Amino acid sequence: MPANRQILLDNRPVGQATASNFRLVRTETPALQDGQVLVRHHYLSLDPYMRGRMNDGKSYAKPQPLGQVMIGGTVGEVIESRHPDFRSGDQVLGTGGWQEYSVADGGAPGALRKVDASQTPLSYYLGAVGMPGVTAWYGLVEIIQPKAGDTVVVSAAAGAVGSAFAALAKARGCRVAGIAGGPEKCRYAVEELGFDACIDHRQHPDIKSMSQALKAACPDGIDGHFENVGGHILDAVLLRANAFARIAVCGMVAGYDGQPLPLQNPALILTNRLKLQGFIVGEHMKVWPQALQELSALVAQGKLRPRESIAQGIESAPEAFLGLLKGKNFGKQLVKLV
């Protein structure tokens, strides 16, 4: 069995996460038992939700245990199998975590899923046609429920979720405005992802300025918003929201380091009869087949052209993850392991 390099959560962050919170170790891969499958990971997914799991507090999921391999989605190749449903050479999607190899129970529900990389690049199963894409689909289709002509907004617009959101919303006849960090990301959002407008949040660091920018980008107001960030961005959106607007809350990255995120004008929720709903995409598995079918079609048609930021080698994962939290990535952040 091959030697395996792993990244463990060594200690919990106090304030901002740092590279010292992680530890790289080398271990021996255990021999397979009946029903198990050995997978060599080709790509590891890095996602903002991982920062919340590093904290030891009440949340929608249990904290990441100390001294164990960091959680994370992976795609790779079956190297050895003692389960009848998997063969050596199969390409699979799983949650192998921050390591080069994993041993999975081939019969456990959701542990491994075969994927076809002949039409869709293997890495896309961690982004556009994976969890981030379905996240965008659920927030838009199930919560925002847009109609043709609606104006919808998404924060973190140049990321994996934001890029899928734009393609899905444009397919439904919406005006789509994004919020991203920096002029390069905003150009990418408009020129490559098809956004009608994109606001550079670095140029609008407070509620008043962001609200004015949203008014210019969304002259007819905001009918739907997909929130990944929180803080003054959400406050500004509430100021520009139309009556009966719908807000899907997916992430609050502005508060992942422990800062409180109080709303400045919560009365607007009542005044405008807003629907504001948080969601966790893993709790809605029944919609995944429908969502993945649409996302795959958009990729095949060239209407969803996701960009990827790829770090090389398992040892690069901590710094790539910290960069993701600071918005240094373009599109989906991955670590290539082969």
C-alpha atoms as a PDB file:
ATOM      1  CA  MET A   1       0.000   0.000   0.000  1.00  0.00           C
ATOM      2  CA  PRO A   2       1.315   3.474  -0.873  1.00  0.00           C
ATOM      3  CA  ALA A   3       2.649   6.023   1.595  1.00  0.00           C
ATOM      4  CA  ASN A   4       0.225   8.890   2.106  1.00  0.00           C
ATOM      5  CA  ARG A   5       0.741  12.573   2.910  1.00  0.00           C
ATOM      6  CA  GLN A   6      -2.039  14.259   4.867  1.00  0.00           C
ATOM      7  CA  ILE A   7      -2.904  17.712   6.225  1.00  0.00           C
ATOM      8  CA  LEU A   8      -4.349  17.621   9.742  1.00  0.00           C
ATOM      9  CA  LEU A   9      -6.054  20.347  11.752  1.00  0.00           C
ATOM     10  CA  ASP A  10      -3.431  20.778  14.467  1.00  0.00           C
ATOM     11  CA  ASN A  11      -5.079  23.547  16.528  1.00  0.00           C
ATOM     12  CA  ARG A  12      -8.058  25.859  16.277  1.00  0.00           C
ATOM     13  CA  PRO A  13      -7.743  29.428  14.968  1.00  0.00           C
ATOM     14  CA  VAL A  14      -8.031  32.417  17.256  1.00  0.00           C
ATOM     15  CA  GLY A  15      -9.293  35.143  14.940  1.00  0.00           C
ATOM     16  CA  GLN A  16      -7.882  34.669  11.448  1.00  0.00           C
ATOM     17  CA  ALA A  17      -6.813  31.194  10.384  1.00  0.00           C
ATOM     18  CA  THR A  18      -3.078  30.783   9.761  1.00  0.00           C
ATOM     19  CA  ALA A  19      -0.795  28.142   8.271  1.00  0.00           C
ATOM     20  CA  SER A  20       0.237  27.163  11.804  1.00  0.00           C
ATOM     21  CA  ASN A  21      -3.262  25.740  12.386  1.00  0.00           C
ATOM     22  CA  PHE A  22      -2.369  22.865  10.034  1.00  0.00           C
ATOM     23  CA  ARG A  23       0.192  20.066  10.142  1.00  0.00           C
ATOM     24  CA  LEU A  24       1.571  17.946   7.296  1.00  0.00           C
ATOM     25  CA  VAL A  25       2.199  14.284   8.170  1.00  0.00           C
ATOM     26  CA  ARG A  26       3.273  11.174   6.309  1.00  0.00           C
ATOM     27  CA  THR A  27       1.463   7.908   7.079  1.00  0.00           C
ATOM     28  CA  GLU A  28       1.170   4.380   5.763  1.00  0.00           C
ATOM     29  CA  THR A  29      -2.063   3.520   3.948  1.00  0.00           C
ATOM     30  CA  PRO A  30      -3.804   0.602   5.699  1.00  0.00           C
ATOM     31  CA  ALA A  31      -4.462  -2.651   3.833  1.00  0.00           C
ATOM     32  CA  LEU A  32      -7.964  -2.902   2.367  1.00  0.00           C
ATOM     33  CA  GLN A  33     -10.693  -4.841   4.101  1.00  0.00           C
ATOM     34  CA  ASP A  34     -13.614  -6.468   2.270  1.00  0.00           C
ATOM     35  CA  GLY A  35     -15.902  -3.791   0.818  1.00  0.00           C
ATOM     36  CA  GLN A  36     -13.261  -1.075   0.826  1.00  0.00           C
ATOM     37  CA  VAL A  37     -11.808   0.940  -2.050  1.00  0.00           C
ATOM     38  CA  LEU A  38      -8.438   2.686  -2.313  1.00  0.00           C
ATOM     39  CA  VAL A  39      -8.599   6.014  -4.177  1.00  0.00           C
ATOM     40  CA  ARG A  40      -5.710   8.126  -5.385  1.00  0.00           C
ATOM     41  CA  HIS A  41      -6.875  11.724  -5.372  1.00  0.00           C
ATOM     42  CA  HIS A  42      -6.244  13.832  -8.460  1.00  0.00           C
ATOM     43  CA  TYR A  43      -7.856  17.043  -7.145  1.00  0.00           C
ATOM     44  CA  LEU A  44      -8.840  18.381  -3.731  1.00  0.00           C
ATOM     45  CA  SER A  45     -11.568  21.008  -3.382  1.00  0.00           C
ATOM     46  CA  LEU A  46     -11.024  24.012  -1.107  1.00  0.00           C
ATOM     47  CA  ASP A  47     -14.209  25.788  -0.021  1.00  0.00           C
ATOM     48  CA  PRO A  48     -15.088  28.632   2.374  1.00  0.00           C
ATOM     49  CA  TYR A  49     -17.305  26.406   4.560  1.00  0.00           C
ATOM     50  CA  MET A  50     -14.156  24.683   5.812  1.00  0.00           C
ATOM     51  CA  ARG A  51     -13.226  27.796   7.790  1.00  0.00           C
ATOM     52  CA  GLY A  52     -16.415  27.569   9.827  1.00  0.00           C
ATOM     53  CA  ARG A  53     -15.778  23.905  10.557  1.00  0.00           C
ATOM     54  CA  MET A  54     -12.379  24.799  12.040  1.00  0.00           C
ATOM     55  CA  ASN A  55     -14.133  26.611  14.906  1.00  0.00           C
ATOM     56  CA  ASP A  56     -15.338  24.751  17.986  1.00  0.00           C
ATOM     57  CA  GLY A  57     -18.803  26.233  18.168  1.00  0.00           C
ATOM     58  CA  LYS A  58     -22.427  25.429  17.498  1.00  0.00           C
ATOM     59  CA  SER A  59     -23.170  25.248  13.798  1.00  0.00           C
ATOM     60  CA  TYR A  60     -25.045  23.199  11.225  1.00  0.00           C
ATOM     61  CA  ALA A  61     -22.275  20.561  11.262  1.00  0.00           C
ATOM     62  CA  LYS A  62     -19.881  19.183  13.841  1.00  0.00           C
ATOM     63  CA  PRO A  63     -16.512  20.932  14.122  1.00  0.00           C
ATOM     64  CA  GLN A  64     -13.517  19.503  12.314  1.00  0.00           C
ATOM     65  CA  PRO A  65     -11.839  17.203  14.876  1.00  0.00           C
ATOM     66  CA  LEU A  66      -8.340  18.152  15.972  1.00  0.00           C
ATOM     67  CA  GLY A  67      -5.541  15.829  14.892  1.00  0.00           C
ATOM     68  CA  GLN A  68      -7.550  14.418  11.992  1.00  0.00           C
ATOM     69  CA  VAL A  69      -7.408  14.891   8.227  1.00  0.00           C
ATOM     70  CA  MET A  70      -9.116  18.098   7.106  1.00  0.00           C
ATOM     71  CA  ILE A  71     -12.467  17.503   5.463  1.00  0.00           C
ATOM     72  CA  GLY A  72     -12.855  18.158   1.751  1.00  0.00           C
ATOM     73  CA  GLY A  73     -14.266  16.942  -1.535  1.00  0.00           C
ATOM     74  CA  THR A  74     -11.992  14.987  -3.868  1.00  0.00           C
ATOM     75  CA  VAL A  75     -11.974  13.423  -7.313  1.00  0.00           C
ATOM     76  CA  GLY A  76      -9.591  10.694  -8.296  1.00  0.00           C
ATOM     77  CA  GLU A  77      -8.980   7.179  -9.535  1.00  0.00           C
ATOM     78  CA  VAL A  78      -9.608   3.795  -7.948  1.00  0.00           C
ATOM     79  CA  ILE A  79      -6.247   2.101  -7.446  1.00  0.00           C
ATOM     80  CA  GLU A  80      -7.481  -1.054  -5.748  1.00  0.00           C
ATOM     81  CA  SER A  81     -10.942  -2.335  -4.914  1.00  0.00           C
ATOM     82  CA  ARG A  82     -12.437  -4.997  -2.708  1.00  0.00           C
ATOM     83  CA  HIS A  83     -15.972  -3.907  -3.514  1.00  0.00           C
ATOM     84  CA  PRO A  84     -17.872  -5.383  -6.492  1.00  0.00           C
ATOM     85  CA  ASP A  85     -19.203  -1.988  -7.689  1.00  0.00           C
ATOM     86  CA  PHE A  86     -15.766  -0.468  -8.227  1.00  0.00           C
ATOM     87  CA  ARG A  87     -12.817  -1.476 -10.372  1.00  0.00           C
ATOM     88  CA  SER A  88      -9.262  -0.267 -10.694  1.00  0.00           C
ATOM     89  CA  GLY A  89      -9.253   2.700 -13.065  1.00  0.00           C
ATOM     90  CA  ASP A  90     -12.745   3.966 -12.201  1.00  0.00           C
ATOM     91  CA  GLN A  91     -12.872   7.725 -11.760  1.00  0.00           C
ATOM     92  CA  VAL A  92     -14.758   8.714  -8.634  1.00  0.00           C
ATOM     93  CA  LEU A  93     -16.028  11.670  -6.638  1.00  0.00           C
ATOM     94  CA  GLY A  94     -15.877  11.512  -2.862  1.00  0.00           C
ATOM     95  CA  THR A  95     -14.966  13.281   0.353  1.00  0.00           C
ATOM     96  CA  GLY A  96     -11.459  11.960   0.813  1.00  0.00           C
ATOM     97  CA  GLY A  97     -10.164  15.090   2.533  1.00  0.00           C
ATOM     98  CA  TRP A  98      -6.799  16.832   2.489  1.00  0.00           C
ATOM     99  CA  GLN A  99      -4.637  13.839   1.613  1.00  0.00           C
ATOM    100  CA  GLU A 100      -3.190  12.064  -1.396  1.00  0.00           C
ATOM    101  CA  TYR A 101      -5.001   8.739  -0.896  1.00  0.00           C
ATOM    102  CA  SER A 102      -8.104   7.623   0.954  1.00  0.00           C
ATOM    103  CA  VAL A 103      -9.716   4.326   1.849  1.00  0.00           C
ATOM    104  CA  ALA A 104     -13.503   4.433   1.442  1.00  0.00           C
ATOM    105  CA  ASP A 105     -16.352   2.074   2.219  1.00  0.00           C
ATOM    106  CA  GLY A 106     -17.641   1.286  -1.243  1.00  0.00           C
ATOM    107  CA  GLY A 107     -21.106   0.457   0.059  1.00  0.00           C
ATOM    108  CA  ALA A 108     -21.666   3.514   2.239  1.00  0.00           C
ATOM    109  CA  PRO A 109     -24.337   5.874   0.814  1.00  0.00           C
ATOM    110  CA  GLY A 110     -22.694   8.874  -0.808  1.00  0.00           C
ATOM    111  CA  ALA A 111     -19.137   7.774  -0.027  1.00  0.00           C
ATOM    112  CA  LEU A 112     -18.085   7.378  -3.668  1.00  0.00           C
ATOM    113  CA  ARG A 113     -19.769   8.171  -6.965  1.00  0.00           C
ATOM    114  CA  LYS A 114     -18.461   7.181 -10.375  1.00  0.00           C
ATOM    115  CA  VAL A 115     -18.037  10.107 -12.777  1.00  0.00           C
ATOM    116  CA  ASP A 116     -17.394  10.344 -16.506  1.00  0.00           C
ATOM    117  CA  ALA A 117     -14.466  12.576 -17.448  1.00  0.00           C
ATOM    118  CA  SER A 118     -14.755  11.869 -21.182  1.00  0.00           C
ATOM    119  CA  GLN A 119     -17.108  14.840 -21.730  1.00  0.00           C
ATOM    120  CA  THR A 120     -16.651  16.866 -18.548  1.00  0.00           C
ATOM    121  CA  PRO A 121     -13.175  17.564 -17.103  1.00  0.00           C
ATOM    122  CA  LEU A 122     -12.617  15.639 -13.891  1.00  0.00           C
ATOM    123  CA  SER A 123     -11.976  18.805 -11.872  1.00  0.00           C
ATOM    124  CA  TYR A 124     -15.376  20.260 -12.841  1.00  0.00           C
ATOM    125  CA  TYR A 125     -17.064  17.683 -10.603  1.00  0.00           C
ATOM    126  CA  LEU A 126     -15.708  19.692  -7.650  1.00  0.00           C
ATOM    127  CA  GLY A 127     -16.971  22.991  -9.059  1.00  0.00           C
ATOM    128  CA  ALA A 128     -19.373  23.845 -11.869  1.00  0.00           C
ATOM    129  CA  VAL A 129     -20.976  20.389 -12.000  1.00  0.00           C
ATOM    130  CA  GLY A 130     -20.442  19.595  -8.348  1.00  0.00           C
ATOM    131  CA  MET A 131     -21.366  20.943  -4.934  1.00  0.00           C
ATOM    132  CA  PRO A 132     -20.742  24.652  -5.720  1.00  0.00           C
ATOM    133  CA  GLY A 133     -22.848  24.472  -8.881  1.00  0.00           C
ATOM    134  CA  VAL A 134     -25.702  22.748  -7.084  1.00  0.00           C
ATOM    135  CA  THR A 135     -25.424  25.319  -4.291  1.00  0.00           C
ATOM    136  CA  ALA A 136     -25.994  28.102  -6.829  1.00  0.00           C
ATOM    137  CA  TRP A 137     -28.867  26.165  -8.409  1.00  0.00           C
ATOM    138  CA  TYR A 138     -30.687  25.537  -5.137  1.00  0.00           C
ATOM    139  CA  GLY A 139     -30.393  29.113  -3.880  1.00  0.00           C
ATOM    140  CA  LEU A 140     -31.595  30.521  -7.188  1.00  0.00           C
ATOM    141  CA  VAL A 141     -34.258  28.029  -8.209  1.00  0.00           C
ATOM    142  CA  GLU A 142     -35.701  26.938  -4.872  1.00  0.00           C
ATOM    143  CA  ILE A 143     -35.355  30.082  -2.747  1.00  0.00           C
ATOM    144  CA  ILE A 144     -35.108  33.113  -5.055  1.00  0.00           C
ATOM    145  CA  GLN A 145     -37.463  31.556  -7.646  1.00  0.00           C
ATOM    146  CA  PRO A 146     -36.770  34.198 -10.302  1.00  0.00           C
ATOM    147  CA  LYS A 147     -39.050  35.299 -13.081  1.00  0.00           C
ATOM    148  CA  ALA A 148     -37.867  36.576 -16.459  1.00  0.00           C
ATOM    149  CA  GLY A 149     -36.988  40.245 -16.099  1.00  0.00           C
ATOM    150  CA  ASP A 150     -36.080  40.025 -12.404  1.00  0.00           C
ATOM    151  CA  THR A 151     -32.849  41.597 -11.178  1.00  0.00           C
ATOM    152  CA  VAL A 152     -30.722  39.252  -9.089  1.00  0.00           C
ATOM    153  CA  VAL A 153     -27.434  39.859  -7.300  1.00  0.00           C
ATOM    154  CA  VAL A 154     -24.716  37.537  -6.002  1.00  0.00           C
ATOM    155  CA  SER A 155     -21.718  38.322  -3.793  1.00  0.00           C
ATOM    156  CA  ALA A 156     -18.382  36.554  -4.363  1.00  0.00           C
ATOM    157  CA  ALA A 157     -19.412  36.721  -8.013  1.00  0.00           C
ATOM    158  CA  ALA A 158     -16.137  35.484  -9.520  1.00  0.00           C
ATOM    159  CA  GLY A 159     -16.018  32.325  -7.421  1.00  0.00           C
ATOM    160  CA  ALA A 160     -17.275  28.837  -8.208  1.00  0.00           C
ATOM    161  CA  VAL A 161     -20.786  29.474  -6.873  1.00  0.00           C
ATOM    162  CA  GLY A 162     -21.059  32.951  -8.361  1.00  0.00           C
ATOM    163  CA  SER A 163     -20.065  31.869 -11.860  1.00  0.00           C
ATOM    164  CA  ALA A 164     -22.660  29.083 -11.876  1.00  0.00           C
ATOM    165  CA  PHE A 165     -25.285  31.438 -10.458  1.00  0.00           C
ATOM    166  CA  ALA A 166     -24.770  33.860 -13.342  1.00  0.00           C
ATOM    167  CA  ALA A 167     -25.206  31.195 -16.019  1.00  0.00           C
ATOM    168  CA  LEU A 168     -28.306  29.784 -14.341  1.00  0.00           C
ATOM    169  CA  ALA A 169     -29.888  33.215 -13.844  1.00  0.00           C
ATOM    170  CA  LYS A 170     -29.169  34.384 -17.409  1.00  0.00           C
ATOM    171  CA  ALA A 171     -30.788  31.187 -18.694  1.00  0.00           C
ATOM    172  CA  ARG A 172     -33.944  32.309 -16.861  1.00  0.00           C
ATOM    173  CA  GLY A 173     -33.978  35.773 -18.419  1.00  0.00           C
ATOM    174  CA  CYS A 174     -32.731  37.722 -15.413  1.00  0.00           C
ATOM    175  CA  ARG A 175     -30.591  40.818 -15.137  1.00  0.00           C
ATOM    176  CA  VAL A 176     -27.587  39.658 -13.099  1.00  0.00           C
ATOM    177  CA  ALA A 177     -25.314  41.893 -11.043  1.00  0.00           C
ATOM    178  CA  GLY A 178     -22.277  40.618  -9.206  1.00  0.00           C
ATOM    179  CA  ILE A 179     -20.125  41.845  -6.337  1.00  0.00           C
ATOM    180  CA  ALA A 180     -16.442  40.858  -6.454  1.00  0.00           C
ATOM    181  CA  GLY A 181     -13.062  42.018  -5.192  1.00  0.00           C
ATOM    182  CA  GLY A 182     -10.973  44.019  -7.643  1.00  0.00           C
ATOM    183  CA  PRO A 183     -11.301  45.353 -11.187  1.00  0.00           C
ATOM    184  CA  GLU A 184      -9.830  42.216 -12.772  1.00  0.00           C
ATOM    185  CA  LYS A 185     -12.475  39.993 -11.220  1.00  0.00           C
ATOM    186  CA  CYS A 186     -15.214  42.406 -12.238  1.00  0.00           C
ATOM    187  CA  ARG A 187     -13.991  42.428 -15.840  1.00  0.00           C
ATOM    188  CA  TYR A 188     -13.931  38.634 -15.804  1.00  0.00           C
ATOM    189  CA  ALA A 189     -17.488  38.555 -14.422  1.00  0.00           C
ATOM    190  CA  VAL A 190     -18.844  40.805 -17.166  1.00  0.00           C
ATOM    191  CA  GLU A 191     -16.725  39.731 -20.141  1.00  0.00           C
ATOM    192  CA  GLU A 192     -16.508  35.971 -19.541  1.00  0.00           C
ATOM    193  CA  LEU A 193     -19.292  35.012 -17.137  1.00  0.00           C
ATOM    194  CA  GLY A 194     -22.028  37.142 -18.683  1.00  0.00           C
ATOM    195  CA  PHE A 195     -22.906  39.404 -15.750  1.00  0.00           C
ATOM    196  CA  ASP A 196     -24.754  42.556 -16.761  1.00  0.00           C
ATOM    197  CA  ALA A 197     -22.827  44.543 -14.148  1.00  0.00           C
ATOM    198  CA  CYS A 198     -20.239  43.906 -11.449  1.00  0.00           C
ATOM    199  CA  ILE A 199     -19.360  46.020  -8.406  1.00  0.00           C
ATOM    200  CA  ASP A 200     -15.854  46.073  -6.934  1.00  0.00           C
ATOM    201  CA  HIS A 201     -16.476  45.882  -3.186  1.00  0.00           C
ATOM    202  CA  ARG A 202     -12.965  47.169  -2.501  1.00  0.00           C
ATOM    203  CA  GLN A 203     -14.052  50.491  -3.974  1.00  0.00           C
ATOM    204  CA  HIS A 204     -17.203  50.517  -1.830  1.00  0.00           C
ATOM    205  CA  PRO A 205     -16.160  49.576   1.724  1.00  0.00           C
ATOM    206  CA  ASP A 206     -19.201  50.928   3.569  1.00  0.00           C
ATOM    207  CA  ILE A 207     -22.989  50.667   3.404  1.00  0.00           C
ATOM    208  CA  LYS A 208     -23.614  54.070   1.838  1.00  0.00           C
ATOM    209  CA  SER A 209     -21.111  53.644  -0.974  1.00  0.00           C
ATOM    210  CA  MET A 210     -22.143  50.041  -1.699  1.00  0.00           C
ATOM    211  CA  SER A 211     -25.816  51.012  -1.720  1.00  0.00           C
ATOM    212  CA  GLN A 212     -25.123  53.748  -4.283  1.00  0.00           C
ATOM    213  CA  ALA A 213     -23.198  51.294  -6.445  1.00  0.00           C
ATOM    214  CA  LEU A 214     -26.066  48.808  -6.250  1.00  0.00           C
ATOM    215  CA  LYS A 215     -28.535  51.515  -7.246  1.00  0.00           C
ATOM    216  CA  ALA A 216     -26.492  52.199 -10.397  1.00  0.00           C
ATOM    217  CA  ALA A 217     -26.064  48.502 -11.227  1.00  0.00           C
ATOM    218  CA  CYS A 218     -29.693  47.636 -10.420  1.00  0.00           C
ATOM    219  CA  PRO A 219     -31.793  50.636 -11.478  1.00  0.00           C
ATOM    220  CA  ASP A 220     -35.035  48.690 -11.026  1.00  0.00           C
ATOM    221  CA  GLY A 221     -34.093  47.488  -7.558  1.00  0.00           C
ATOM    222  CA  ILE A 222     -33.201  43.960  -6.426  1.00  0.00           C
ATOM    223  CA  ASP A 223     -35.674  41.091  -6.652  1.00  0.00           C
ATOM    224  CA  GLY A 224     -33.353  38.300  -5.533  1.00  0.00           C
ATOM    225  CA  HIS A 225     -29.989  38.097  -3.788  1.00  0.00           C
ATOM    226  CA  PHE A 226     -27.587  35.208  -3.158  1.00  0.00           C
ATOM    227  CA  GLU A 227     -25.428  35.993  -0.136  1.00  0.00           C
ATOM    228  CA  ASN A 228     -21.973  34.491   0.356  1.00  0.00           C
ATOM    229  CA  VAL A 229     -20.296  37.243   2.372  1.00  0.00           C
ATOM    230  CA  GLY A 230     -22.572  39.164   4.740  1.00  0.00           C
ATOM    231  CA  GLY A 231     -21.521  42.307   6.599  1.00  0.00           C
ATOM    232  CA  HIS A 232     -22.018  45.682   4.928  1.00  0.00           C
ATOM    233  CA  ILE A 233     -22.770  43.992   1.596  1.00  0.00           C
ATOM    234  CA  LEU A 234     -25.949  42.409   2.943  1.00  0.00           C
ATOM    235  CA  ASP A 235     -26.898  45.662   4.667  1.00  0.00           C
ATOM    236  CA  ALA A 236     -26.558  47.533   1.367  1.00  0.00           C
ATOM    237  CA  VAL A 237     -28.596  44.926  -0.512  1.00  0.00           C
ATOM    238  CA  LEU A 238     -31.422  45.284   2.006  1.00  0.00           C
ATOM    239  CA  LEU A 239     -31.516  49.018   1.285  1.00  0.00           C
ATOM    240  CA  ARG A 240     -31.962  48.371  -2.459  1.00  0.00           C
ATOM    241  CA  ALA A 241     -34.310  45.363  -2.200  1.00  0.00           C
ATOM    242  CA  ASN A 242     -37.749  45.572  -3.763  1.00  0.00           C
ATOM    243  CA  ALA A 243     -40.889  44.564  -1.921  1.00  0.00           C
ATOM    244  CA  PHE A 244     -41.168  40.769  -1.658  1.00  0.00           C
ATOM    245  CA  ALA A 245     -37.516  40.233  -2.635  1.00  0.00           C
ATOM    246  CA  ARG A 246     -36.018  36.840  -1.807  1.00  0.00           C
ATOM    247  CA  ILE A 247     -32.586  36.395  -0.225  1.00  0.00           C
ATOM    248  CA  ALA A 248     -30.765  33.046  -0.165  1.00  0.00           C
ATOM    249  CA  VAL A 249     -28.107  32.974   2.555  1.00  0.00           C
ATOM    250  CA  CYS A 250     -25.363  30.514   1.679  1.00  0.00           C
ATOM    251  CA  GLY A 251     -22.321  31.893   3.503  1.00  0.00           C
ATOM    252  CA  MET A 252     -21.111  34.624   5.828  1.00  0.00           C
ATOM    253  CA  VAL A 253     -17.400  34.662   5.091  1.00  0.00           C
ATOM    254  CA  ALA A 254     -17.096  38.158   6.574  1.00  0.00           C
ATOM    255  CA  GLY A 255     -17.772  36.614   9.988  1.00  0.00           C
ATOM    256  CA  TYR A 256     -15.812  33.379   9.776  1.00  0.00           C
ATOM    257  CA  ASP A 257     -12.981  34.793  11.911  1.00  0.00           C
ATOM    258  CA  GLY A 258     -15.371  35.360  14.800  1.00  0.00           C
ATOM    259  CA  GLN A 259     -16.538  38.926  14.256  1.00  0.00           C
ATOM    260  CA  PRO A 260     -20.222  39.618  14.976  1.00  0.00           C
ATOM    261  CA  LEU A 261     -22.257  40.619  11.921  1.00  0.00           C
ATOM    262  CA  PRO A 262     -25.200  42.675  13.178  1.00  0.00           C
ATOM    263  CA  LEU A 263     -27.736  43.927  10.659  1.00  0.00           C
ATOM    264  CA  GLN A 264     -27.966  47.720  10.485  1.00  0.00           C
ATOM    265  CA  ASN A 265     -31.606  47.913   9.365  1.00  0.00           C
ATOM    266  CA  PRO A 266     -33.424  44.665  10.214  1.00  0.00           C
ATOM    267  CA  ALA A 267     -36.778  46.498  10.051  1.00  0.00           C
ATOM    268  CA  LEU A 268     -36.397  46.432   6.254  1.00  0.00           C
ATOM    269  CA  ILE A 269     -37.179  42.709   6.355  1.00  0.00           C
ATOM    270  CA  LEU A 270     -40.648  43.608   7.625  1.00  0.00           C
ATOM    271  CA  THR A 271     -41.096  46.828   5.671  1.00  0.00           C
ATOM    272  CA  ASN A 272     -40.395  45.127   2.339  1.00  0.00           C
ATOM    273  CA  ARG A 273     -41.893  41.748   3.342  1.00  0.00           C
ATOM    274  CA  LEU A 274     -38.642  40.031   2.420  1.00  0.00           C
ATOM    275  CA  LYS A 275     -38.003  36.309   2.442  1.00  0.00           C
ATOM    276  CA  LEU A 276     -34.571  35.605   3.909  1.00  0.00           C
ATOM    277  CA  GLN A 277     -33.630  31.931   4.090  1.00  0.00           C
ATOM    278  CA  GLY A 278     -30.420  30.138   4.916  1.00  0.00           C
ATOM    279  CA  PHE A 279     -29.696  26.711   3.455  1.00  0.00           C
ATOM    280  CA  ILE A 280     -27.173  23.880   3.433  1.00  0.00           C
ATOM    281  CA  VAL A 281     -27.031  22.196   0.042  1.00  0.00           C
ATOM    282  CA  GLY A 282     -26.170  18.777   1.476  1.00  0.00           C
ATOM    283  CA  GLU A 283     -29.623  18.681   3.073  1.00  0.00           C
ATOM    284  CA  HIS A 284     -31.321  18.781  -0.333  1.00  0.00           C
ATOM    285  CA  MET A 285     -29.909  15.773  -2.149  1.00  0.00           C
ATOM    286  CA  LYS A 286     -33.167  15.142  -4.010  1.00  0.00           C
ATOM    287  CA  VAL A 287     -32.549  18.142  -6.282  1.00  0.00           C
ATOM    288  CA  TRP A 288     -28.953  17.232  -7.167  1.00  0.00           C
ATOM    289  CA  PRO A 289     -29.727  15.117 -10.270  1.00  0.00           C
ATOM    290  CA  GLN A 290     -31.900  17.855 -11.799  1.00  0.00           C
ATOM    291  CA  ALA A 291     -29.387  20.560 -10.945  1.00  0.00           C
ATOM    292  CA  LEU A 292     -26.398  18.618 -12.257  1.00  0.00           C
ATOM    293  CA  GLN A 293     -28.208  17.872 -15.506  1.00  0.00           C
ATOM    294  CA  GLU A 294     -28.803  21.582 -16.154  1.00  0.00           C
ATOM    295  CA  LEU A 295     -25.290  22.568 -15.108  1.00  0.00           C
ATOM    296  CA  SER A 296     -23.719  19.926 -17.353  1.00  0.00           C
ATOM    297  CA  ALA A 297     -25.811  21.174 -20.280  1.00  0.00           C
ATOM    298  CA  LEU A 298     -24.705  24.767 -19.682  1.00  0.00           C
ATOM    299  CA  VAL A 299     -21.065  23.677 -19.676  1.00  0.00           C
ATOM    300  CA  ALA A 300     -21.550  21.643 -22.872  1.00  0.00           C
ATOM    301  CA  GLN A 301     -23.237  24.622 -24.560  1.00  0.00           C
ATOM    302  CA  GLY A 302     -20.427  26.979 -23.571  1.00  0.00           C
ATOM    303  CA  LYS A 303     -22.802  29.087 -21.461  1.00  0.00           C
ATOM    304  CA  LEU A 304     -20.949  28.219 -18.261  1.00  0.00           C
ATOM    305  CA  ARG A 305     -17.198  28.635 -18.648  1.00  0.00           C
ATOM    306  CA  PRO A 306     -15.764  28.136 -15.178  1.00  0.00           C
ATOM    307  CA  ARG A 307     -12.263  29.283 -14.315  1.00  0.00           C
ATOM    308  CA  GLU A 308     -10.079  27.365 -11.882  1.00  0.00           C
ATOM    309  CA  SER A 309      -7.256  28.384  -9.556  1.00  0.00           C
ATOM    310  CA  ILE A 310      -5.011  25.364  -9.093  1.00  0.00           C
ATOM    311  CA  ALA A 311      -2.335  24.958  -6.426  1.00  0.00           C
ATOM    312  CA  GLN A 312       0.191  22.148  -6.835  1.00  0.00           C
ATOM    313  CA  GLY A 313       0.771  19.435  -4.232  1.00  0.00           C
ATOM    314  CA  ILE A 314      -0.814  18.615  -0.896  1.00  0.00           C
ATOM    315  CA  GLU A 315       1.692  20.808   0.938  1.00  0.00           C
ATOM    316  CA  SER A 316       0.248  23.867  -0.854  1.00  0.00           C
ATOM    317  CA  ALA A 317      -3.285  23.337   0.515  1.00  0.00           C
ATOM    318  CA  PRO A 318      -3.061  25.515   3.668  1.00  0.00           C
ATOM    319  CA  GLU A 319      -1.745  28.612   1.890  1.00  0.00           C
ATOM    320  CA  ALA A 320      -4.167  28.121  -1.014  1.00  0.00           C
ATOM    321  CA  PHE A 321      -7.036  27.860   1.477  1.00  0.00           C
ATOM    322  CA  LEU A 322      -5.973  31.001   3.332  1.00  0.00           C
ATOM    323  CA  GLY A 323      -5.757  32.792  -0.015  1.00  0.00           C
ATOM    324  CA  LEU A 324      -9.286  31.656  -0.846  1.00  0.00           C
ATOM    325  CA  LEU A 325     -10.586  33.244   2.358  1.00  0.00           C
ATOM    326  CA  LYS A 326      -8.946  36.525   1.311  1.00  0.00           C
ATOM    327  CA  GLY A 327     -10.381  36.372  -2.207  1.00  0.00           C
ATOM    328  CA  LYS A 328      -7.103  35.647  -3.998  1.00  0.00           C
ATOM    329  CA  ASN A 329      -8.605  32.873  -6.126  1.00  0.00           C
ATOM    330  CA  PHE A 330     -10.268  33.207  -9.524  1.00  0.00           C
ATOM    331  CA  GLY A 331     -13.153  30.770  -9.810  1.00  0.00           C
ATOM    332  CA  LYS A 332     -12.924  27.376  -8.170  1.00  0.00           C
ATOM    333  CA  GLN A 333      -9.932  26.806  -5.874  1.00  0.00           C
ATOM    334  CA  LEU A 334      -8.392  23.369  -6.278  1.00  0.00           C
ATOM    335  CA  VAL A 335      -5.256  21.533  -5.260  1.00  0.00           C
ATOM    336  CA  LYS A 336      -3.800  19.206  -7.906  1.00  0.00           C
ATOM    337  CA  LEU A 337      -2.325  16.109  -6.321  1.00  0.00           C
ATOM    338  CA  VAL A 338      -1.003  14.122  -9.325  1.00  0.00           C
END
